[in-house]
Full PDB file with SEQRES, HELIX, SHEET, SSBOND, CRYST1, ORIGX, SCALE, CONECT and MASTER records, all heavy atoms in Angstrom:
SEQRES   1 A   34  PRO MET GLY ALA SER ASP TYR ALA ARG THR VAL TYR SER          
SEQRES   2 A   34  TYR ASN ASP LEU PRO GLU GLY GLU THR ASP PRO ASP LEU          
SEQRES   3 A   34  THR ARG PHE SER ILE ALA HIS ASP                              
CRYST1    1.000    1.000    1.000  90.00  90.00  90.00 P 1           1          
ORIGX1      1.000000  0.000000  0.000000        0.00000                         
ORIGX2      0.000000  1.000000  0.000000        0.00000                         
ORIGX3      0.000000  0.000000  1.000000        0.00000                         
SCALE1      1.000000  0.000000  0.000000        0.00000                         
SCALE2      0.000000  1.000000  0.000000        0.00000                         
SCALE3      0.000000  0.000000  1.000000        0.00000                         
ATOM      1  N   PRO A   1     113.194  73.598  84.110  1.00  0.00           N  
ATOM      2  CA  PRO A   1     112.000  73.664  84.958  1.00  0.00           C  
ATOM      3  C   PRO A   1     111.202  74.954  84.688  1.00  0.00           C  
ATOM      4  O   PRO A   1     111.788  76.009  84.451  1.00  0.00           O  
ATOM      5  CB  PRO A   1     112.572  73.696  86.374  1.00  0.00           C  
ATOM      6  CG  PRO A   1     113.939  73.093  86.255  1.00  0.00           C  
ATOM      7  CD  PRO A   1     114.431  73.552  84.903  1.00  0.00           C  
ATOM      8  N   MET A   2     109.879  74.837  84.708  1.00  0.00           N  
ATOM      9  CA  MET A   2     108.977  76.018  84.637  1.00  0.00           C  
ATOM     10  C   MET A   2     108.727  76.444  86.079  1.00  0.00           C  
ATOM     11  O   MET A   2     107.829  75.937  86.745  1.00  0.00           O  
ATOM     12  CB  MET A   2     107.641  75.628  83.984  1.00  0.00           C  
ATOM     13  CG  MET A   2     107.590  75.736  82.480  1.00  0.00           C  
ATOM     14  SD  MET A   2     106.028  75.057  81.831  1.00  0.00           S  
ATOM     15  CE  MET A   2     104.813  76.225  82.443  1.00  0.00           C  
ATOM     16  N   GLY A   3     109.523  77.377  86.581  1.00  0.00           N  
ATOM     17  CA  GLY A   3     109.459  77.741  87.987  1.00  0.00           C  
ATOM     18  C   GLY A   3     110.469  76.932  88.785  1.00  0.00           C  
ATOM     19  O   GLY A   3     111.335  76.254  88.231  1.00  0.00           O  
ATOM     20  N   ALA A   4     110.342  76.977  90.105  1.00  0.00           N  
ATOM     21  CA  ALA A   4     111.332  76.336  90.988  1.00  0.00           C  
ATOM     22  C   ALA A   4     111.214  74.824  90.948  1.00  0.00           C  
ATOM     23  O   ALA A   4     110.126  74.269  90.828  1.00  0.00           O  
ATOM     24  CB  ALA A   4     111.154  76.840  92.414  1.00  0.00           C  
ATOM     25  N   SER A   5     112.371  74.162  91.068  1.00  0.00           N  
ATOM     26  CA  SER A   5     112.439  72.725  91.308  1.00  0.00           C  
ATOM     27  C   SER A   5     113.092  72.571  92.690  1.00  0.00           C  
ATOM     28  O   SER A   5     113.131  73.526  93.469  1.00  0.00           O  
ATOM     29  CB  SER A   5     113.273  72.045  90.232  1.00  0.00           C  
ATOM     30  OG  SER A   5     114.640  72.475  90.333  1.00  0.00           O  
ATOM     31  N   ASP A   6     113.607  71.390  92.991  1.00  0.00           N  
ATOM     32  CA  ASP A   6     114.385  71.225  94.218  1.00  0.00           C  
ATOM     33  C   ASP A   6     115.715  71.974  94.129  1.00  0.00           C  
ATOM     34  O   ASP A   6     116.246  72.421  95.146  1.00  0.00           O  
ATOM     35  CB  ASP A   6     114.594  69.746  94.576  1.00  0.00           C  
ATOM     36  CG  ASP A   6     114.724  68.827  93.370  1.00  0.00           C  
ATOM     37  OD1 ASP A   6     114.464  69.261  92.234  1.00  0.00           O  
ATOM     38  OD2 ASP A   6     115.080  67.647  93.553  1.00  0.00           O  
ATOM     39  N   TYR A   7     116.227  72.120  92.888  1.00  0.00           N  
ATOM     40  CA  TYR A   7     117.508  72.814  92.687  1.00  0.00           C  
ATOM     41  C   TYR A   7     117.267  74.254  92.268  1.00  0.00           C  
ATOM     42  O   TYR A   7     117.406  74.629  91.113  1.00  0.00           O  
ATOM     43  CB  TYR A   7     118.404  72.012  91.731  1.00  0.00           C  
ATOM     44  CG  TYR A   7     118.887  70.780  92.427  1.00  0.00           C  
ATOM     45  CD1 TYR A   7     118.126  69.600  92.417  1.00  0.00           C  
ATOM     46  CD2 TYR A   7     120.034  70.812  93.204  1.00  0.00           C  
ATOM     47  CE1 TYR A   7     118.532  68.485  93.130  1.00  0.00           C  
ATOM     48  CE2 TYR A   7     120.448  69.695  93.924  1.00  0.00           C  
ATOM     49  CZ  TYR A   7     119.691  68.546  93.887  1.00  0.00           C  
ATOM     50  OH  TYR A   7     120.089  67.453  94.619  1.00  0.00           O  
ATOM     51  N   ALA A   8     116.848  75.052  93.277  1.00  0.00           N  
ATOM     52  CA  ALA A   8     116.583  76.482  93.102  1.00  0.00           C  
ATOM     53  C   ALA A   8     116.943  77.175  94.410  1.00  0.00           C  
ATOM     54  O   ALA A   8     116.923  76.544  95.474  1.00  0.00           O  
ATOM     55  CB  ALA A   8     115.109  76.716  92.763  1.00  0.00           C  
ATOM     56  N   ARG A   9     117.277  78.452  94.310  1.00  0.00           N  
ATOM     57  CA  ARG A   9     117.670  79.182  95.523  1.00  0.00           C  
ATOM     58  C   ARG A   9     116.455  79.625  96.339  1.00  0.00           C  
ATOM     59  O   ARG A   9     116.552  79.853  97.529  1.00  0.00           O  
ATOM     60  CB  ARG A   9     118.521  80.405  95.122  1.00  0.00           C  
ATOM     61  CG  ARG A   9     119.883  80.042  94.534  1.00  0.00           C  
ATOM     62  CD  ARG A   9     120.464  81.179  93.710  1.00  0.00           C  
ATOM     63  NE  ARG A   9     119.650  81.451  92.530  1.00  0.00           N  
ATOM     64  CZ  ARG A   9     119.679  82.586  91.846  1.00  0.00           C  
ATOM     65  NH1 ARG A   9     120.469  83.580  92.242  1.00  0.00           N  
ATOM     66  NH2 ARG A   9     118.921  82.741  90.787  1.00  0.00           N  
ATOM     67  N   THR A  10     115.289  79.754  95.668  1.00  0.00           N  
ATOM     68  CA  THR A  10     114.050  80.127  96.349  1.00  0.00           C  
ATOM     69  C   THR A  10     112.912  79.331  95.720  1.00  0.00           C  
ATOM     70  O   THR A  10     113.078  78.752  94.650  1.00  0.00           O  
ATOM     71  CB  THR A  10     113.734  81.630  96.171  1.00  0.00           C  
ATOM     72  OG1 THR A  10     113.644  81.903  94.753  1.00  0.00           O  
ATOM     73  CG2 THR A  10     114.798  82.531  96.784  1.00  0.00           C  
ATOM     74  N   VAL A  11     111.754  79.331  96.367  1.00  0.00           N  
ATOM     75  CA  VAL A  11     110.546  78.727  95.797  1.00  0.00           C  
ATOM     76  C   VAL A  11     109.822  79.816  95.030  1.00  0.00           C  
ATOM     77  O   VAL A  11     109.467  80.858  95.596  1.00  0.00           O  
ATOM     78  CB  VAL A  11     109.655  78.127  96.904  1.00  0.00           C  
ATOM     79  CG1 VAL A  11     108.340  77.645  96.327  1.00  0.00           C  
ATOM     80  CG2 VAL A  11     110.373  76.992  97.611  1.00  0.00           C  
ATOM     81  N   TYR A  12     109.619  79.610  93.732  1.00  0.00           N  
ATOM     82  CA  TYR A  12     108.985  80.645  92.893  1.00  0.00           C  
ATOM     83  C   TYR A  12     108.222  79.998  91.738  1.00  0.00           C  
ATOM     84  O   TYR A  12     108.539  78.900  91.305  1.00  0.00           O  
ATOM     85  CB  TYR A  12     110.050  81.613  92.318  1.00  0.00           C  
ATOM     86  CG  TYR A  12     110.993  80.930  91.340  1.00  0.00           C  
ATOM     87  CD1 TYR A  12     110.742  80.932  89.958  1.00  0.00           C  
ATOM     88  CD2 TYR A  12     112.120  80.241  91.809  1.00  0.00           C  
ATOM     89  CE1 TYR A  12     111.595  80.278  89.080  1.00  0.00           C  
ATOM     90  CE2 TYR A  12     112.964  79.577  90.926  1.00  0.00           C  
ATOM     91  CZ  TYR A  12     112.699  79.591  89.566  1.00  0.00           C  
ATOM     92  OH  TYR A  12     113.510  78.919  88.686  1.00  0.00           O  
ATOM     93  N   SER A  13     107.200  80.705  91.262  1.00  0.00           N  
ATOM     94  CA  SER A  13     106.516  80.341  90.011  1.00  0.00           C  
ATOM     95  C   SER A  13     106.531  81.578  89.120  1.00  0.00           C  
ATOM     96  O   SER A  13     107.199  82.566  89.436  1.00  0.00           O  
ATOM     97  CB  SER A  13     105.078  79.898  90.283  1.00  0.00           C  
ATOM     98  OG  SER A  13     104.265  81.025  90.587  1.00  0.00           O  
ATOM     99  N   TYR A  14     105.808  81.542  88.011  1.00  0.00           N  
ATOM    100  CA  TYR A  14     105.708  82.731  87.149  1.00  0.00           C  
ATOM    101  C   TYR A  14     104.498  83.594  87.510  1.00  0.00           C  
ATOM    102  O   TYR A  14     104.151  84.519  86.786  1.00  0.00           O  
ATOM    103  CB  TYR A  14     105.607  82.315  85.665  1.00  0.00           C  
ATOM    104  CG  TYR A  14     106.772  81.489  85.165  1.00  0.00           C  
ATOM    105  CD1 TYR A  14     106.582  80.481  84.240  1.00  0.00           C  
ATOM    106  CD2 TYR A  14     108.076  81.721  85.618  1.00  0.00           C  
ATOM    107  CE1 TYR A  14     107.641  79.729  83.755  1.00  0.00           C  
ATOM    108  CE2 TYR A  14     109.141  80.977  85.156  1.00  0.00           C  
ATOM    109  CZ  TYR A  14     108.920  79.960  84.215  1.00  0.00           C  
ATOM    110  OH  TYR A  14     109.973  79.218  83.755  1.00  0.00           O  
ATOM    111  N   ASN A  15     103.840  83.251  88.654  1.00  0.00           N  
ATOM    112  CA  ASN A  15     102.683  84.042  89.078  1.00  0.00           C  
ATOM    113  C   ASN A  15     102.498  83.884  90.581  1.00  0.00           C  
ATOM    114  O   ASN A  15     101.551  83.253  91.046  1.00  0.00           O  
ATOM    115  CB  ASN A  15     101.429  83.592  88.315  1.00  0.00           C  
ATOM    116  CG  ASN A  15     100.308  84.627  88.357  1.00  0.00           C  
ATOM    117  OD1 ASN A  15     100.007  85.166  89.406  1.00  0.00           O  
ATOM    118  ND2 ASN A  15      99.712  84.896  87.219  1.00  0.00           N  
ATOM    119  N   ASP A  16     103.427  84.452  91.334  1.00  0.00           N  
ATOM    120  CA  ASP A  16     103.380  84.345  92.792  1.00  0.00           C  
ATOM    121  C   ASP A  16     102.538  85.478  93.377  1.00  0.00           C  
ATOM    122  O   ASP A  16     102.685  86.642  92.974  1.00  0.00           O  
ATOM    123  CB  ASP A  16     104.796  84.389  93.369  1.00  0.00           C  
ATOM    124  CG  ASP A  16     105.600  83.157  92.997  1.00  0.00           C  
ATOM    125  OD1 ASP A  16     105.006  82.060  92.965  1.00  0.00           O  
ATOM    126  OD2 ASP A  16     106.800  83.294  92.704  1.00  0.00           O  
ATOM    127  N   LEU A  17     101.688  85.133  94.340  1.00  0.00           N  
ATOM    128  CA  LEU A  17     100.773  86.108  94.940  1.00  0.00           C  
ATOM    129  C   LEU A  17     100.834  86.033  96.465  1.00  0.00           C  
ATOM    130  O   LEU A  17     101.167  84.986  97.024  1.00  0.00           O  
ATOM    131  CB  LEU A  17      99.325  85.811  94.508  1.00  0.00           C  
ATOM    132  CG  LEU A  17      99.018  85.759  93.017  1.00  0.00           C  
ATOM    133  CD1 LEU A  17      97.562  85.362  92.804  1.00  0.00           C  
ATOM    134  CD2 LEU A  17      99.276  87.110  92.353  1.00  0.00           C  
ATOM    135  N   PRO A  18     100.477  87.134  97.136  1.00  0.00           N  
ATOM    136  CA  PRO A  18     100.338  87.075  98.599  1.00  0.00           C  
ATOM    137  C   PRO A  18      99.250  86.059  98.984  1.00  0.00           C  
ATOM    138  O   PRO A  18      98.319  85.816  98.210  1.00  0.00           O  
ATOM    139  CB  PRO A  18      99.904  88.498  98.985  1.00  0.00           C  
ATOM    140  CG  PRO A  18     100.303  89.356  97.832  1.00  0.00           C  
ATOM    141  CD  PRO A  18     100.215  88.488  96.614  1.00  0.00           C  
ATOM    142  N   GLU A  19      99.402  85.462 100.160  1.00  0.00           N  
ATOM    143  CA  GLU A  19      98.466  84.425 100.603  1.00  0.00           C  
ATOM    144  C   GLU A  19      97.031  84.943 100.559  1.00  0.00           C  
ATOM    145  O   GLU A  19      96.738  86.086 100.945  1.00  0.00           O  
ATOM    146  CB  GLU A  19      98.817  84.009 102.037  1.00  0.00           C  
ATOM    147  CG  GLU A  19      98.275  82.641 102.378  1.00  0.00           C  
ATOM    148  CD  GLU A  19      98.777  82.139 103.733  1.00  0.00           C  
ATOM    149  OE1 GLU A  19      99.856  82.582 104.162  1.00  0.00           O  
ATOM    150  OE2 GLU A  19      98.092  81.294 104.301  1.00  0.00           O  
ATOM    151  N   GLY A  20      96.136  84.096 100.035  1.00  0.00           N  
ATOM    152  CA  GLY A  20      94.708  84.452  99.987  1.00  0.00           C  
ATOM    153  C   GLY A  20      94.284  85.127  98.696  1.00  0.00           C  
ATOM    154  O   GLY A  20      93.093  85.268  98.418  1.00  0.00           O  
ATOM    155  N   GLU A  21      95.253  85.570  97.881  1.00  0.00           N  
ATOM    156  CA  GLU A  21      94.904  86.237  96.610  1.00  0.00           C  
ATOM    157  C   GLU A  21      94.895  85.242  95.463  1.00  0.00           C  
ATOM    158  O   GLU A  21      95.613  84.241  95.488  1.00  0.00           O  
ATOM    159  CB  GLU A  21      95.892  87.366  96.300  1.00  0.00           C  
ATOM    160  CG  GLU A  21      95.761  88.561  97.225  1.00  0.00           C  
ATOM    161  CD  GLU A  21      96.643  89.725  96.784  1.00  0.00           C  
ATOM    162  OE1 GLU A  21      96.949  89.825  95.573  1.00  0.00           O  
ATOM    163  OE2 GLU A  21      97.025  90.525  97.658  1.00  0.00           O  
ATOM    164  N   THR A  22      94.080  85.546  94.441  1.00  0.00           N  
ATOM    165  CA  THR A  22      94.079  84.734  93.205  1.00  0.00           C  
ATOM    166  C   THR A  22      94.192  85.674  92.011  1.00  0.00           C  
ATOM    167  O   THR A  22      93.931  86.872  92.115  1.00  0.00           O  
ATOM    168  CB  THR A  22      92.791  83.893  93.080  1.00  0.00           C  
ATOM    169  OG1 THR A  22      91.672  84.779  93.014  1.00  0.00           O  
ATOM    170  CG2 THR A  22      92.613  82.940  94.262  1.00  0.00           C  
ATOM    171  N   ASP A  23      94.554  85.125  90.858  1.00  0.00           N  
ATOM    172  CA  ASP A  23      94.731  85.924  89.635  1.00  0.00           C  
ATOM    173  C   ASP A  23      94.310  85.084  88.425  1.00  0.00           C  
ATOM    174  O   ASP A  23      95.134  84.709  87.592  1.00  0.00           O  
ATOM    175  CB  ASP A  23      96.198  86.373  89.518  1.00  0.00           C  
ATOM    176  CG  ASP A  23      96.484  87.202  88.278  1.00  0.00           C  
ATOM    177  OD1 ASP A  23      95.523  87.754  87.694  1.00  0.00           O  
ATOM    178  OD2 ASP A  23      97.674  87.288  87.875  1.00  0.00           O  
ATOM    179  N   PRO A  24      92.992  84.780  88.325  1.00  0.00           N  
ATOM    180  CA  PRO A  24      92.533  83.893  87.247  1.00  0.00           C  
ATOM    181  C   PRO A  24      92.800  84.435  85.838  1.00  0.00           C  
ATOM    182  O   PRO A  24      92.858  83.664  84.879  1.00  0.00           O  
ATOM    183  CB  PRO A  24      91.042  83.718  87.504  1.00  0.00           C  
ATOM    184  CG  PRO A  24      90.679  84.755  88.491  1.00  0.00           C  
ATOM    185  CD  PRO A  24      91.898  85.145  89.243  1.00  0.00           C  
ATOM    186  N   ASP A  25      92.971  85.751  85.701  1.00  0.00           N  
ATOM    187  CA  ASP A  25      93.283  86.327  84.386  1.00  0.00           C  
ATOM    188  C   ASP A  25      94.781  86.402  84.125  1.00  0.00           C  
ATOM    189  O   ASP A  25      95.215  86.882  83.067  1.00  0.00           O  
ATOM    190  CB  ASP A  25      92.659  87.734  84.261  1.00  0.00           C  
ATOM    191  CG  ASP A  25      91.141  87.703  84.299  1.00  0.00           C  
ATOM    192  OD1 ASP A  25      90.574  86.711  83.795  1.00  0.00           O  
ATOM    193  OD2 ASP A  25      90.533  88.637  84.850  1.00  0.00           O  
ATOM    194  N   LEU A  26      95.585  85.940  85.084  1.00  0.00           N  
ATOM    195  CA  LEU A  26      97.050  85.923  84.974  1.00  0.00           C  
ATOM    196  C   LEU A  26      97.635  87.297  84.633  1.00  0.00           C  
ATOM    197  O   LEU A  26      98.603  87.421  83.874  1.00  0.00           O  
ATOM    198  CB  LEU A  26      97.501  84.875  83.937  1.00  0.00           C  
ATOM    199  CG  LEU A  26      97.080  83.420  84.214  1.00  0.00           C  
ATOM    200  CD1 LEU A  26      97.533  82.492  83.079  1.00  0.00           C  
ATOM    201  CD2 LEU A  26      97.640  82.908  85.534  1.00  0.00           C  
ATOM    202  N   THR A  27      97.059  88.328  85.206  1.00  0.00           N  
ATOM    203  CA  THR A  27      97.530  89.689  84.914  1.00  0.00           C  
ATOM    204  C   THR A  27      98.914  89.943  85.501  1.00  0.00           C  
ATOM    205  O   THR A  27      99.648  90.816  85.036  1.00  0.00           O  
ATOM    206  CB  THR A  27      96.553  90.741  85.484  1.00  0.00           C  
ATOM    207  OG1 THR A  27      96.350  90.478  86.884  1.00  0.00           O  
ATOM    208  CG2 THR A  27      95.202  90.696  84.758  1.00  0.00           C  
ATOM    209  N   ARG A  28      99.293  89.148  86.522  1.00  0.00           N  
ATOM    210  CA  ARG A  28     100.608  89.347  87.150  1.00  0.00           C  
ATOM    211  C   ARG A  28     101.614  88.269  86.718  1.00  0.00           C  
ATOM    212  O   ARG A  28     102.655  88.089  87.349  1.00  0.00           O  
ATOM    213  CB  ARG A  28     100.456  89.372  88.685  1.00  0.00           C  
ATOM    214  CG  ARG A  28      99.873  90.716  89.159  1.00  0.00           C  
ATOM    215  CD  ARG A  28      99.617  90.736  90.640  1.00  0.00           C  
ATOM    216  NE  ARG A  28      98.271  90.256  90.945  1.00  0.00           N  
ATOM    217  CZ  ARG A  28      97.766  90.203  92.189  1.00  0.00           C  
ATOM    218  NH1 ARG A  28      98.505  90.581  93.216  1.00  0.00           N  
ATOM    219  NH2 ARG A  28      96.535  89.763  92.387  1.00  0.00           N  
ATOM    220  N   PHE A  29     101.293  87.581  85.635  1.00  0.00           N  
ATOM    221  CA  PHE A  29     102.205  86.568  85.092  1.00  0.00           C  
ATOM    222  C   PHE A  29     103.503  87.220  84.610  1.00  0.00           C  
ATOM    223  O   PHE A  29     103.480  88.266  83.948  1.00  0.00           O  
ATOM    224  CB  PHE A  29     101.537  85.853  83.918  1.00  0.00           C  
ATOM    225  CG  PHE A  29     102.441  84.877  83.197  1.00  0.00           C  
ATOM    226  CD1 PHE A  29     102.512  83.557  83.581  1.00  0.00           C  
ATOM    227  CD2 PHE A  29     103.251  85.306  82.142  1.00  0.00           C  
ATOM    228  CE1 PHE A  29     103.366  82.662  82.933  1.00  0.00           C  
ATOM    229  CE2 PHE A  29     104.111  84.435  81.495  1.00  0.00           C  
ATOM    230  CZ  PHE A  29     104.158  83.106  81.896  1.00  0.00           C  
ATOM    231  N   SER A  30     104.636  86.590  84.893  1.00  0.00           N  
ATOM    232  CA  SER A  30     105.933  87.113  84.417  1.00  0.00           C  
ATOM    233  C   SER A  30     107.005  86.028  84.472  1.00  0.00           C  
ATOM    234  O   SER A  30     107.082  85.272  85.446  1.00  0.00           O  
ATOM    235  CB  SER A  30     106.381  88.282  85.306  1.00  0.00           C  
ATOM    236  OG  SER A  30     107.725  88.630  85.016  1.00  0.00           O  
ATOM    237  N   ILE A  31     107.850  85.969  83.429  1.00  0.00           N  
ATOM    238  CA  ILE A  31     108.999  85.051  83.468  1.00  0.00           C  
ATOM    239  C   ILE A  31     110.284  85.829  83.791  1.00  0.00           C  
ATOM    240  O   ILE A  31     111.379  85.400  83.455  1.00  0.00           O  
ATOM    241  CB  ILE A  31     109.166  84.267  82.145  1.00  0.00           C  
ATOM    242  CG1 ILE A  31     109.413  85.206  80.953  1.00  0.00           C  
ATOM    243  CG2 ILE A  31     107.978  83.343  81.888  1.00  0.00           C  
ATOM    244  CD1 ILE A  31     110.042  84.502  79.758  1.00  0.00           C  
ATOM    245  N   ALA A  32     110.124  86.970  84.477  1.00  0.00           N  
ATOM    246  CA  ALA A  32     111.288  87.823  84.808  1.00  0.00           C  
ATOM    247  C   ALA A  32     112.392  87.029  85.503  1.00  0.00           C  
ATOM    248  O   ALA A  32     113.588  87.276  85.262  1.00  0.00           O  
ATOM    249  CB  ALA A  32     110.842  88.993  85.675  1.00  0.00           C  
ATOM    250  N   HIS A  33     112.012  86.077  86.346  1.00  0.00           N  
ATOM    251  CA  HIS A  33     113.036  85.275  87.035  1.00  0.00           C  
ATOM    252  C   HIS A  33     113.969  84.603  86.035  1.00  0.00           C  
ATOM    253  O   HIS A  33     115.186  84.617  86.200  1.00  0.00           O  
ATOM    254  CB  HIS A  33     112.382  84.203  87.921  1.00  0.00           C  
ATOM    255  CG  HIS A  33     113.388  83.277  88.527  1.00  0.00           C  
ATOM    256  ND1 HIS A  33     113.926  82.209  87.824  1.00  0.00           N  
ATOM    257  CD2 HIS A  33     114.017  83.275  89.737  1.00  0.00           C  
ATOM    258  CE1 HIS A  33     114.825  81.600  88.578  1.00  0.00           C  
ATOM    259  NE2 HIS A  33     114.890  82.210  89.740  1.00  0.00           N  
ATOM    260  N   ASP A  34     113.416  84.029  84.976  1.00  0.00           N  
ATOM    261  CA  ASP A  34     114.231  83.284  84.004  1.00  0.00           C  
ATOM    262  C   ASP A  34     115.089  84.222  83.140  1.00  0.00           C  
ATOM    263  O   ASP A  34     116.097  83.785  82.586  1.00  0.00           O  
ATOM    264  CB  ASP A  34     113.330  82.436  83.095  1.00  0.00           C  
ATOM    265  CG  ASP A  34     112.692  81.278  83.825  1.00  0.00           C  
ATOM    266  OD1 ASP A  34     112.841  81.203  85.066  1.00  0.00           O  
ATOM    267  OD2 ASP A  34     112.039  80.433  83.175  1.00  0.00           O  
TER     268      ASP A  34                                                      
MASTER        0    0    0    0    0    0    0    6  267    1    0    3          
END                                                                             
């Protein structure tokens, strides 16, 4: 899976942001979780 599926300990993607924020340039992109 690219990010969380149903079988994950938390809900996560490779670019999680605080509510209301966006990152169209993906400056905070990271696969650190994997």
